[in-house]
């Protein structure tokens, strides 16, 4: 893979990771339309790690407060303290995807990297997002979220292991069905990316080191840096947009793209 191809993939990843349109689906489609070799899930994970660092920088104060309160409580849950509670809710929400993700990583997911499957999931879950956002009138905040809501959002995140579903899209959809407001739904979704991407990235880098794949490791490091830059700007855009807009523009985009892919393939 050339450096320019890597820039293209990083650009796609950065723009789409936190928008509810499916970054993995776009990465696969980008590779296919430009006749690039599909590097598989390894390069996807490296690009996602860049996005992880972008989340850490953007929400650095929230993360610092969560870590501080967890240490202050000596690692015991204390749901009377907001940031302690939020840290444990994120942990609870991460468990289902971690279990299913590691199982699928060993089982193999290449059969899911199919343009027709991606087109179908982009279209279907785009419509589901519209329904959730349109008809969820209540406006809960993260302070009102409980264990039940966190676990259900975590279960929904498992669906994102199918390319085209969109991790951010499906977790935001679940949060909206659970009557959480748009901005907080997006914020929880972004923070929820941290445990899962970190775990997947650590495993992938361990495998590259054990296999002595030095060139793949170098490409992975370059991917992380480039993806970080593009992802950070995407997060800024998303959080500002949701203060004034609904998720409708993303729904329209998903429906159009999904129909095009289904028709072409």
Protein backbone atom coordinates (compact mmCIF):
# COMPACT_ATOMS: atom_id res chain seq x y z
CA UNK A 1 0.00 0.00 0.00
CA UNK A 2 1.36 3.42 -0.98
CA UNK A 3 1.48 6.41 1.35
CA UNK A 4 -1.16 8.21 -0.75
CA UNK A 5 -3.49 5.25 -0.48
CA UNK A 6 -2.94 5.32 3.26
CA UNK A 7 -3.86 9.01 3.35
CA UNK A 8 -7.07 8.21 1.46
CA UNK A 9 -8.06 5.46 3.89
CA UNK A 10 -7.20 7.66 6.89
CA UNK A 11 -9.28 10.49 5.47
CA UNK A 12 -12.28 8.18 5.01
CA UNK A 13 -11.86 6.71 8.49
CA UNK A 14 -11.45 10.06 10.17
CA UNK A 15 -14.54 11.56 8.58
CA UNK A 16 -16.83 8.58 9.07
CA UNK A 17 -15.89 7.03 12.43
CA UNK A 18 -17.97 9.32 14.59
CA UNK A 19 -20.61 10.21 12.04
CA UNK A 20 -23.37 7.55 12.11
CA UNK A 21 -22.58 6.29 8.60
CA UNK A 22 -20.20 3.30 9.19
CA UNK A 23 -16.45 3.85 8.97
CA UNK A 24 -15.61 0.16 8.41
CA UNK A 25 -18.12 -0.05 5.58
CA UNK A 26 -16.64 3.03 3.91
CA UNK A 27 -13.08 1.72 4.31
CA UNK A 28 -13.99 -1.54 2.57
CA UNK A 29 -15.87 0.26 -0.19
CA UNK A 30 -13.04 2.75 -0.68
CA UNK A 31 -10.60 -0.12 -1.17
CA UNK A 32 -12.88 -1.88 -3.64
CA UNK A 33 -13.79 1.16 -5.76
CA UNK A 34 -10.15 2.26 -6.09
CA UNK A 35 -8.97 -1.30 -6.68
CA UNK A 36 -6.83 -1.34 -3.55
CA UNK A 37 -5.84 -4.56 -1.90
CA UNK A 38 -8.20 -5.19 1.01
CA UNK A 39 -5.74 -5.26 3.92
CA UNK A 40 -8.40 -6.83 6.12
CA UNK A 41 -9.43 -6.02 9.65
CA UNK A 42 -5.87 -5.21 10.79
CA UNK A 43 -5.63 -1.91 8.94
CA UNK A 44 -9.22 -1.11 9.99
CA UNK A 45 -8.23 -1.48 13.64
CA UNK A 46 -5.10 0.67 13.20
CA UNK A 47 -7.21 3.44 11.68
CA UNK A 48 -9.70 3.11 14.52
CA UNK A 49 -6.90 3.54 17.07
CA UNK A 50 -6.18 6.96 15.56
CA UNK A 51 -9.82 7.78 16.15
CA UNK A 52 -9.49 6.54 19.73
CA UNK A 53 -6.73 9.07 20.43
CA UNK A 54 -8.90 11.80 18.92
CA UNK A 55 -11.68 10.95 21.41
CA UNK A 56 -9.20 10.97 24.28
CA UNK A 57 -7.98 14.46 23.36
CA UNK A 58 -11.44 15.91 22.71
CA UNK A 59 -12.95 14.52 25.93
CA UNK A 60 -9.75 14.76 28.00
CA UNK A 61 -11.46 16.55 30.90
CA UNK A 62 -14.24 13.95 31.14
CA UNK A 63 -11.71 11.12 30.99
CA UNK A 64 -9.52 12.76 33.64
CA UNK A 65 -12.50 13.20 35.95
CA UNK A 66 -13.63 9.61 35.45
CA UNK A 67 -10.15 8.26 36.24
CA UNK A 68 -9.85 10.57 39.25
CA UNK A 69 -13.21 9.54 40.73
CA UNK A 70 -12.58 5.84 40.16
CA UNK A 71 -9.27 6.12 42.04
CA UNK A 72 -10.86 8.21 44.78
CA UNK A 73 -13.48 5.49 45.34
CA UNK A 74 -10.69 2.85 45.39
CA UNK A 75 -12.14 1.25 42.24
CA UNK A 76 -15.53 0.70 43.85
CA UNK A 77 -18.71 1.82 42.02
CA UNK A 78 -20.27 4.93 43.53
CA UNK A 79 -23.26 5.95 41.44
CA UNK A 80 -23.82 9.03 43.58
CA UNK A 81 -20.71 10.54 41.95
CA UNK A 82 -21.47 11.29 38.29
CA UNK A 83 -18.07 10.60 36.70
CA UNK A 84 -17.56 7.46 38.75
CA UNK A 85 -20.97 6.29 37.59
CA UNK A 86 -20.22 7.18 33.97
CA UNK A 87 -16.96 5.23 34.02
CA UNK A 88 -18.67 2.06 35.25
CA UNK A 89 -21.57 2.48 32.82
CA UNK A 90 -19.07 2.64 29.96
CA UNK A 91 -17.40 -0.50 31.29
CA UNK A 92 -20.75 -2.32 31.53
CA UNK A 93 -21.69 -1.22 28.00
CA UNK A 94 -18.35 -2.46 26.63
CA UNK A 95 -18.57 -6.04 27.89
CA UNK A 96 -20.95 -7.50 25.24
CA UNK A 97 -18.95 -6.18 22.27
CA UNK A 98 -15.64 -7.25 23.78
CA UNK A 99 -16.88 -10.82 24.20
CA UNK A 100 -18.53 -11.08 20.78
CA UNK A 101 -15.71 -9.17 19.06
CA UNK A 102 -12.92 -11.44 20.29
CA UNK A 103 -14.96 -14.49 19.37
CA UNK A 104 -15.57 -13.19 15.83
CA UNK A 105 -11.89 -12.16 15.46
CA UNK A 106 -10.87 -15.78 15.96
CA UNK A 107 -13.77 -17.18 13.97
CA UNK A 108 -13.19 -14.89 10.97
CA UNK A 109 -15.31 -12.09 9.52
CA UNK A 110 -14.05 -11.82 5.93
CA UNK A 111 -17.34 -13.20 4.61
CA UNK A 112 -19.07 -10.09 6.02
CA UNK A 113 -16.82 -7.72 4.02
CA UNK A 114 -19.19 -7.88 1.07
CA UNK A 115 -20.49 -4.72 -0.71
CA UNK A 116 -24.03 -6.09 -0.88
CA UNK A 117 -24.10 -6.81 2.85
CA UNK A 118 -22.62 -3.37 3.53
CA UNK A 119 -25.22 -1.69 1.32
CA UNK A 120 -28.06 -3.52 3.05
CA UNK A 121 -26.87 -2.70 6.57
CA UNK A 122 -26.17 0.95 5.69
CA UNK A 123 -29.71 1.31 4.32
CA UNK A 124 -31.55 -0.67 7.00
CA UNK A 125 -29.87 0.82 10.06
CA UNK A 126 -30.12 4.27 8.54
CA UNK A 127 -33.90 3.90 8.52
CA UNK A 128 -33.84 2.54 12.08
CA UNK A 129 -31.82 5.61 13.17
CA UNK A 130 -34.45 7.87 11.58
CA UNK A 131 -37.27 6.14 13.47
CA UNK A 132 -35.39 6.35 16.78
CA UNK A 133 -34.48 9.99 16.36
CA UNK A 134 -37.85 11.10 14.98
CA UNK A 135 -40.14 9.48 17.52
CA UNK A 136 -38.03 9.69 20.69
CA UNK A 137 -39.46 12.81 22.27
CA UNK A 138 -38.11 12.53 25.80
CA UNK A 139 -34.77 14.17 26.54
CA UNK A 140 -32.85 12.21 29.18
CA UNK A 141 -29.28 13.25 30.01
CA UNK A 142 -26.29 11.07 30.86
CA UNK A 143 -26.91 11.83 34.54
CA UNK A 144 -30.22 9.98 34.27
CA UNK A 145 -28.76 6.92 32.52
CA UNK A 146 -28.68 3.69 34.51
CA UNK A 147 -27.24 0.20 34.24
CA UNK A 148 -30.13 -1.05 32.11
CA UNK A 149 -29.65 1.65 29.48
CA UNK A 150 -25.89 1.14 29.40
CA UNK A 151 -26.19 -2.63 28.96
CA UNK A 152 -28.79 -2.30 26.18
CA UNK A 153 -26.58 0.18 24.32
CA UNK A 154 -23.72 -2.28 24.78
CA UNK A 155 -25.77 -5.10 23.27
CA UNK A 156 -26.63 -2.86 20.32
CA UNK A 157 -22.92 -2.17 19.80
CA UNK A 158 -22.40 -5.86 18.99
CA UNK A 159 -24.37 -5.34 15.77
CA UNK A 160 -21.65 -2.97 14.57
CA UNK A 161 -19.31 -5.93 14.10
CA UNK A 162 -21.13 -6.36 10.79
CA UNK A 163 -19.59 -3.78 8.39
CA UNK A 164 -22.03 -1.09 7.29
CA UNK A 165 -23.98 -1.05 10.55
CA UNK A 166 -21.90 1.80 12.08
CA UNK A 167 -20.75 1.53 15.68
CA UNK A 168 -21.60 5.14 16.41
CA UNK A 169 -24.84 4.89 14.44
CA UNK A 170 -26.21 1.82 16.23
CA UNK A 171 -25.23 3.00 19.72
CA UNK A 172 -26.74 6.43 19.05
CA UNK A 173 -29.87 4.71 17.73
CA UNK A 174 -30.16 2.60 20.88
CA UNK A 175 -29.62 5.65 23.07
CA UNK A 176 -32.32 7.59 21.22
CA UNK A 177 -34.76 4.67 21.61
CA UNK A 178 -33.94 4.85 25.32
CA UNK A 179 -34.92 8.56 25.25
CA UNK A 180 -31.44 10.05 25.67
CA UNK A 181 -30.98 13.45 24.02
CA UNK A 182 -29.04 13.79 20.77
CA UNK A 183 -25.88 15.43 22.10
CA UNK A 184 -25.52 13.08 25.09
CA UNK A 185 -26.28 10.05 22.89
CA UNK A 186 -23.40 11.05 20.60
CA UNK A 187 -21.09 11.78 23.54
CA UNK A 188 -21.73 8.40 25.21
CA UNK A 189 -21.25 6.69 21.84
CA UNK A 190 -17.87 8.34 21.32
CA UNK A 191 -16.67 7.56 24.85
CA UNK A 192 -17.89 3.99 24.42
CA UNK A 193 -15.45 3.56 21.54
CA UNK A 194 -12.50 3.78 23.94
CA UNK A 195 -12.57 0.35 25.69
CA UNK A 196 -13.48 -1.67 22.59
CA UNK A 197 -11.01 -0.02 20.19
CA UNK A 198 -8.23 -0.11 22.80
CA UNK A 199 -8.75 -3.84 23.39
CA UNK A 200 -8.94 -4.66 19.67
CA UNK A 201 -5.91 -2.49 18.91
CA UNK A 202 -3.79 -4.04 21.65
CA UNK A 203 -4.60 -7.53 20.39
CA UNK A 204 -3.83 -6.62 16.76
CA UNK A 205 -0.48 -5.00 17.60
CA UNK A 206 0.47 -8.01 19.70
CA UNK A 207 -0.26 -10.31 16.75
CA UNK A 208 1.82 -8.14 14.38
CA UNK A 209 4.78 -8.13 16.78
CA UNK A 210 4.57 -11.91 17.35
CA UNK A 211 4.37 -12.47 13.58
CA UNK A 212 7.33 -10.08 13.03
CA UNK A 213 5.36 -8.15 10.41
CA UNK A 214 7.50 -4.99 10.57
CA UNK A 215 6.11 -3.31 7.44
CA UNK A 216 2.53 -3.90 8.57
CA UNK A 217 3.46 -2.40 11.94
CA UNK A 218 4.96 0.71 10.27
CA UNK A 219 1.86 1.18 8.12
CA UNK A 220 -0.27 0.77 11.24
CA UNK A 221 1.63 3.54 13.05
CA UNK A 222 1.28 5.89 10.07
CA UNK A 223 -2.41 5.06 9.87
CA UNK A 224 -2.90 5.96 13.53
CA UNK A 225 -1.35 9.42 13.12
CA UNK A 226 -3.28 10.30 9.96
CA UNK A 227 -6.57 8.92 11.27
CA UNK A 228 -6.15 10.90 14.50
CA UNK A 229 -5.96 14.22 12.64
CA UNK A 230 -9.03 13.63 10.49
CA UNK A 231 -11.02 12.08 13.37
CA UNK A 232 -10.47 15.02 15.67
CA UNK A 233 -11.96 17.45 13.16
CA UNK A 234 -14.89 15.07 12.56
CA UNK A 235 -15.69 14.99 16.30
CA UNK A 236 -15.66 18.79 16.47
CA UNK A 237 -18.01 18.95 13.49
CA UNK A 238 -20.38 16.32 14.88
CA UNK A 239 -20.75 17.86 18.33
CA UNK A 240 -21.39 21.34 16.91
CA UNK A 241 -23.86 20.05 14.33
CA UNK A 242 -26.03 18.22 16.85
CA UNK A 243 -26.65 21.37 18.86
CA UNK A 244 -28.79 22.66 15.96
CA UNK A 245 -29.62 19.69 13.68
CA UNK A 246 -31.20 16.26 13.91
CA UNK A 247 -29.65 13.06 12.50
CA UNK A 248 -31.73 13.41 9.30
CA UNK A 249 -28.82 14.43 7.00
CA UNK A 250 -26.97 11.24 7.93
CA UNK A 251 -30.11 9.16 7.41
CA UNK A 252 -30.61 10.58 3.90
CA UNK A 253 -26.97 9.91 3.04
CA UNK A 254 -27.21 6.32 4.29
CA UNK A 255 -30.40 5.59 2.38
CA UNK A 256 -28.99 6.94 -0.89
CA UNK A 257 -25.65 5.14 -0.49
CA UNK A 258 -27.31 1.90 0.57
CA UNK A 259 -29.64 1.88 -2.43
CA UNK A 260 -26.75 2.61 -4.80
CA UNK A 261 -24.69 -0.26 -3.40
CA UNK A 262 -27.57 -2.72 -3.49
CA UNK A 263 -28.29 -1.72 -7.10
CA UNK A 264 -24.64 -1.93 -8.22
CA UNK A 265 -23.98 -5.30 -6.60
